[in-house]
Amino acid sequence: MAGKIPPDAFEQYVGLGEQRSYALLAESFGCTKRAVTFRASQECWQERLTKIEDESKRRVDEKLVETKGEVRERHLRSLRAIQGRALQALQTMPMRTASEAAKALMAAIKAEAALMGLERRESMTMAELIAGSVHPVENVAEGDKRINGVD
C-alpha cells in the first residue's frame, strides 16, 4: 500500500492546514494511516512542519513590524505638516487666529511626543517638550509656553 503514497505527500499534508491529520491524508490516498505515519517518520514530517510554521510566523511578525513602522512614519509626516502650517499661521495671522494656530501646534507636538515615546508630563513646558522632540519648533510666543494653559 505504501506505493500509493505520492512523492508530494508532505506538501499535501502541509496544505491541509489546521485540520491536517495522517488519517485524513491516508483516506485521500486510499492507504492506511500506518503507511502515512511510516512515510512521515522516514521523512521527518513533524520536524519539517515545525520549521515551516516557525518561518511563517517569523515572516508574519516581520511584516507586522514593517506595517507598524510605516504607520508611525506616516503619522509623523502628518504631524510635522500640521506643525509647519501652525508655525506659518503663528507668524502671519492676527492674534485670534494665531492663538488657534498655537493650539494646533501644541496638539501636534503632544501627539508627536506620544508617538515617539517621549516622556510627557502634564506640567511640561513647551521648551521642555521641544527639547525632547526630534523635530525642533521655533518662534513660539512666550505667553504660549505652557502646554495646558494656551488660550
C-alpha atoms as a PDB file:
ATOM      1  CA  MET A   1       0.000   0.000   0.000  1.00  0.00           C
ATOM      2  CA  ALA A   2       2.917   2.363   0.550  1.00  0.00           C
ATOM      3  CA  GLY A   3       3.274   2.600  -3.215  1.00  0.00           C
ATOM      4  CA  LYS A   4       0.043   4.627  -3.314  1.00  0.00           C
ATOM      5  CA  ILE A   5       1.569   7.495  -1.350  1.00  0.00           C
ATOM      6  CA  PRO A   6       2.718  10.121  -3.865  1.00  0.00           C
ATOM      7  CA  PRO A   7       6.105  11.844  -3.670  1.00  0.00           C
ATOM      8  CA  ASP A   8       4.439  15.157  -2.787  1.00  0.00           C
ATOM      9  CA  ALA A   9       2.592  13.676   0.212  1.00  0.00           C
ATOM     10  CA  PHE A  10       4.284  16.043   2.650  1.00  0.00           C
ATOM     11  CA  GLU A  11       3.233  19.083   0.610  1.00  0.00           C
ATOM     12  CA  GLN A  12      -0.335  17.802   0.596  1.00  0.00           C
ATOM     13  CA  TYR A  13      -0.128  17.197   4.340  1.00  0.00           C
ATOM     14  CA  VAL A  14       1.030  20.764   4.936  1.00  0.00           C
ATOM     15  CA  GLY A  15      -1.682  22.030   2.576  1.00  0.00           C
ATOM     16  CA  LEU A  16      -4.414  20.500   4.726  1.00  0.00           C
ATOM     17  CA  GLY A  17      -3.943  23.380   7.174  1.00  0.00           C
ATOM     18  CA  GLU A  18      -5.454  23.291  10.640  1.00  0.00           C
ATOM     19  CA  GLN A  19      -7.445  20.106  10.002  1.00  0.00           C
ATOM     20  CA  ARG A  20      -4.355  18.149   8.898  1.00  0.00           C
ATOM     21  CA  SER A  21      -4.045  14.588  10.108  1.00  0.00           C
ATOM     22  CA  TYR A  22      -2.376  11.415   8.944  1.00  0.00           C
ATOM     23  CA  ALA A  23      -5.781   9.684   8.896  1.00  0.00           C
ATOM     24  CA  LEU A  24      -7.271  12.312   6.559  1.00  0.00           C
ATOM     25  CA  LEU A  25      -4.258  12.079   4.282  1.00  0.00           C
ATOM     26  CA  ALA A  26      -4.392   8.270   4.273  1.00  0.00           C
ATOM     27  CA  GLU A  27      -8.061   8.397   3.340  1.00  0.00           C
ATOM     28  CA  SER A  28      -7.347  10.731   0.406  1.00  0.00           C
ATOM     29  CA  PHE A  29      -4.549   8.420  -0.839  1.00  0.00           C
ATOM     30  CA  GLY A  30      -6.559   5.250  -0.293  1.00  0.00           C
ATOM     31  CA  CYS A  31      -3.989   3.712   2.038  1.00  0.00           C
ATOM     32  CA  THR A  32      -3.651   3.044   5.755  1.00  0.00           C
ATOM     33  CA  LYS A  33      -2.835   5.607   8.376  1.00  0.00           C
ATOM     34  CA  ARG A  34       0.058   3.351   9.366  1.00  0.00           C
ATOM     35  CA  ALA A  35       1.599   3.704   5.869  1.00  0.00           C
ATOM     36  CA  VAL A  36       1.339   7.502   6.044  1.00  0.00           C
ATOM     37  CA  THR A  37       2.781   7.519   9.568  1.00  0.00           C
ATOM     38  CA  PHE A  38       5.696   5.372   8.408  1.00  0.00           C
ATOM     39  CA  ARG A  39       6.428   7.756   5.478  1.00  0.00           C
ATOM     40  CA  ALA A  40       6.079  10.758   7.802  1.00  0.00           C
ATOM     41  CA  SER A  41       8.565   9.219  10.204  1.00  0.00           C
ATOM     42  CA  GLN A  42      11.056   8.423   7.418  1.00  0.00           C
ATOM     43  CA  GLU A  43      10.877  11.950   6.007  1.00  0.00           C
ATOM     44  CA  CYS A  44      10.699  13.764   9.397  1.00  0.00           C
ATOM     45  CA  TRP A  45       7.420  15.491   8.602  1.00  0.00           C
ATOM     46  CA  GLN A  46       6.841  16.853  12.108  1.00  0.00           C
ATOM     47  CA  GLU A  47      10.263  18.499  12.274  1.00  0.00           C
ATOM     48  CA  ARG A  48       9.862  19.924   8.780  1.00  0.00           C
ATOM     49  CA  LEU A  49       6.378  21.201   9.603  1.00  0.00           C
ATOM     50  CA  THR A  50       7.657  22.874  12.770  1.00  0.00           C
ATOM     51  CA  LYS A  51      10.366  24.657  10.765  1.00  0.00           C
ATOM     52  CA  ILE A  52       7.833  25.781   8.163  1.00  0.00           C
ATOM     53  CA  GLU A  53       5.417  27.103  10.785  1.00  0.00           C
ATOM     54  CA  ASP A  54       8.209  28.895  12.667  1.00  0.00           C
ATOM     55  CA  GLU A  55       9.408  30.554   9.450  1.00  0.00           C
ATOM     56  CA  SER A  56       5.855  31.526   8.571  1.00  0.00           C
ATOM     57  CA  LYS A  57       5.331  33.125  11.999  1.00  0.00           C
ATOM     58  CA  ARG A  58       8.650  34.969  11.698  1.00  0.00           C
ATOM     59  CA  ARG A  59       7.630  36.376   8.307  1.00  0.00           C
ATOM     60  CA  VAL A  60       4.220  37.459   9.603  1.00  0.00           C
ATOM     61  CA  ASP A  61       5.861  39.155  12.596  1.00  0.00           C
ATOM     62  CA  GLU A  62       8.328  40.879  10.281  1.00  0.00           C
ATOM     63  CA  LYS A  63       5.503  42.220   8.121  1.00  0.00           C
ATOM     64  CA  LEU A  64       3.641  43.440  11.203  1.00  0.00           C
ATOM     65  CA  VAL A  65       6.734  45.312  12.370  1.00  0.00           C
ATOM     66  CA  GLU A  66       7.144  46.866   8.919  1.00  0.00           C
ATOM     67  CA  THR A  67       3.477  47.844   8.818  1.00  0.00           C
ATOM     68  CA  LYS A  68       3.638  49.381  12.280  1.00  0.00           C
ATOM     69  CA  GLY A  69       6.751  51.320  11.277  1.00  0.00           C
ATOM     70  CA  GLU A  70       5.080  52.590   8.108  1.00  0.00           C
ATOM     71  CA  VAL A  71       2.031  53.783  10.075  1.00  0.00           C
ATOM     72  CA  ARG A  72       4.283  55.524  12.580  1.00  0.00           C
ATOM     73  CA  GLU A  73       6.234  57.264   9.801  1.00  0.00           C
ATOM     74  CA  ARG A  74       3.019  58.354   8.068  1.00  0.00           C
ATOM     75  CA  HIS A  75       1.669  59.777  11.338  1.00  0.00           C
ATOM     76  CA  LEU A  76       4.932  61.609  11.981  1.00  0.00           C
ATOM     77  CA  ARG A  77       4.859  63.168   8.490  1.00  0.00           C
ATOM     78  CA  SER A  78       1.276  64.299   9.064  1.00  0.00           C
ATOM     79  CA  LEU A  79       2.065  65.754  12.463  1.00  0.00           C
ATOM     80  CA  ARG A  80       5.081  67.604  11.116  1.00  0.00           C
ATOM     81  CA  ALA A  81       2.969  69.035   8.301  1.00  0.00           C
ATOM     82  CA  ILE A  82       0.466  70.297  10.858  1.00  0.00           C
ATOM     83  CA  GLN A  83       3.303  71.793  12.882  1.00  0.00           C
ATOM     84  CA  GLY A  84       4.665  73.575   9.817  1.00  0.00           C
ATOM     85  CA  ARG A  85       1.293  75.062   8.930  1.00  0.00           C
ATOM     86  CA  ALA A  86       0.661  76.093  12.527  1.00  0.00           C
ATOM     87  CA  LEU A  87       4.027  77.865  12.651  1.00  0.00           C
ATOM     88  CA  GLN A  88       3.259  79.684   9.393  1.00  0.00           C
ATOM     89  CA  ALA A  89      -0.098  80.748  10.798  1.00  0.00           C
ATOM     90  CA  LEU A  90       1.531  81.998  14.017  1.00  0.00           C
ATOM     91  CA  GLN A  91       3.834  84.235  12.000  1.00  0.00           C
ATOM     92  CA  THR A  92       1.263  85.655   9.575  1.00  0.00           C
ATOM     93  CA  MET A  93      -2.189  85.638  11.171  1.00  0.00           C
ATOM     94  CA  PRO A  94      -3.935  88.095  13.512  1.00  0.00           C
ATOM     95  CA  MET A  95      -3.815  87.381  17.242  1.00  0.00           C
ATOM     96  CA  ARG A  96      -7.097  85.404  17.480  1.00  0.00           C
ATOM     97  CA  THR A  97      -6.160  83.136  14.576  1.00  0.00           C
ATOM     98  CA  ALA A  98      -2.611  82.871  15.929  1.00  0.00           C
ATOM     99  CA  SER A  99      -3.993  81.569  19.196  1.00  0.00           C
ATOM    100  CA  GLU A 100      -5.864  78.838  17.328  1.00  0.00           C
ATOM    101  CA  ALA A 101      -2.687  78.042  15.381  1.00  0.00           C
ATOM    102  CA  ALA A 102      -0.761  77.777  18.658  1.00  0.00           C
ATOM    103  CA  LYS A 103      -3.334  75.291  19.962  1.00  0.00           C
ATOM    104  CA  ALA A 104      -2.997  73.205  16.791  1.00  0.00           C
ATOM    105  CA  LEU A 105       0.789  73.357  17.055  1.00  0.00           C
ATOM    106  CA  MET A 106       0.794  72.210  20.659  1.00  0.00           C
ATOM    107  CA  ALA A 107      -1.662  69.413  19.946  1.00  0.00           C
ATOM    108  CA  ALA A 108       0.573  68.199  17.103  1.00  0.00           C
ATOM    109  CA  ILE A 109       3.687  68.390  19.286  1.00  0.00           C
ATOM    110  CA  LYS A 110       1.939  66.433  22.044  1.00  0.00           C
ATOM    111  CA  ALA A 111       0.874  63.774  19.555  1.00  0.00           C
ATOM    112  CA  GLU A 112       4.382  63.636  18.089  1.00  0.00           C
ATOM    113  CA  ALA A 113       5.908  63.227  21.543  1.00  0.00           C
ATOM    114  CA  ALA A 114       3.497  60.414  22.355  1.00  0.00           C
ATOM    115  CA  LEU A 115       4.183  58.732  19.030  1.00  0.00           C
ATOM    116  CA  MET A 116       7.936  58.975  19.550  1.00  0.00           C
ATOM    117  CA  GLY A 117       7.593  57.527  23.044  1.00  0.00           C
ATOM    118  CA  LEU A 118       8.937  60.638  24.727  1.00  0.00           C
ATOM    119  CA  GLU A 119       8.122  61.082  28.400  1.00  0.00           C
ATOM    120  CA  ARG A 120       5.391  63.638  28.795  1.00  0.00           C
ATOM    121  CA  ARG A 121       4.172  65.252  31.995  1.00  0.00           C
ATOM    122  CA  GLU A 122       1.115  67.454  32.161  1.00  0.00           C
ATOM    123  CA  SER A 123       3.225  70.247  33.690  1.00  0.00           C
ATOM    124  CA  MET A 124       5.880  70.014  30.959  1.00  0.00           C
ATOM    125  CA  THR A 125       6.671  73.363  29.351  1.00  0.00           C
ATOM    126  CA  MET A 126       6.726  73.816  25.604  1.00  0.00           C
ATOM    127  CA  ALA A 127      10.520  74.296  25.744  1.00  0.00           C
ATOM    128  CA  GLU A 128      10.956  71.012  27.646  1.00  0.00           C
ATOM    129  CA  LEU A 129       8.751  69.187  25.169  1.00  0.00           C
ATOM    130  CA  ILE A 130      10.563  70.706  22.200  1.00  0.00           C
ATOM    131  CA  ALA A 131      13.963  69.839  23.667  1.00  0.00           C
ATOM    132  CA  GLY A 132      12.919  66.167  23.756  1.00  0.00           C
ATOM    133  CA  SER A 133      11.384  66.242  20.280  1.00  0.00           C
ATOM    134  CA  VAL A 134      13.163  65.094  17.129  1.00  0.00           C
ATOM    135  CA  HIS A 135      11.539  67.941  15.192  1.00  0.00           C
ATOM    136  CA  PRO A 136      12.520  71.286  16.737  1.00  0.00           C
ATOM    137  CA  VAL A 137       9.926  74.036  16.771  1.00  0.00           C
ATOM    138  CA  GLU A 138      10.818  77.722  16.952  1.00  0.00           C
ATOM    139  CA  ASN A 139       9.044  81.069  17.324  1.00  0.00           C
ATOM    140  CA  VAL A 140       6.525  80.034  19.972  1.00  0.00           C
ATOM    141  CA  ALA A 141       5.287  83.104  21.803  1.00  0.00           C
ATOM    142  CA  GLU A 142       6.354  83.425  25.436  1.00  0.00           C
ATOM    143  CA  GLY A 143       2.747  83.556  26.612  1.00  0.00           C
ATOM    144  CA  ASP A 144       2.018  80.228  24.958  1.00  0.00           C
ATOM    145  CA  LYS A 145       4.763  78.232  26.715  1.00  0.00           C
ATOM    146  CA  ARG A 146       2.598  76.093  28.971  1.00  0.00           C
ATOM    147  CA  ILE A 147       1.075  73.135  27.149  1.00  0.00           C
ATOM    148  CA  ASN A 148      -2.109  73.100  29.178  1.00  0.00           C
ATOM    149  CA  GLY A 149      -2.526  76.858  29.522  1.00  0.00           C
ATOM    150  CA  VAL A 150      -2.745  78.093  25.946  1.00  0.00           C
ATOM    151  CA  ASP A 151      -5.658  80.420  25.112  1.00  0.00           C
END
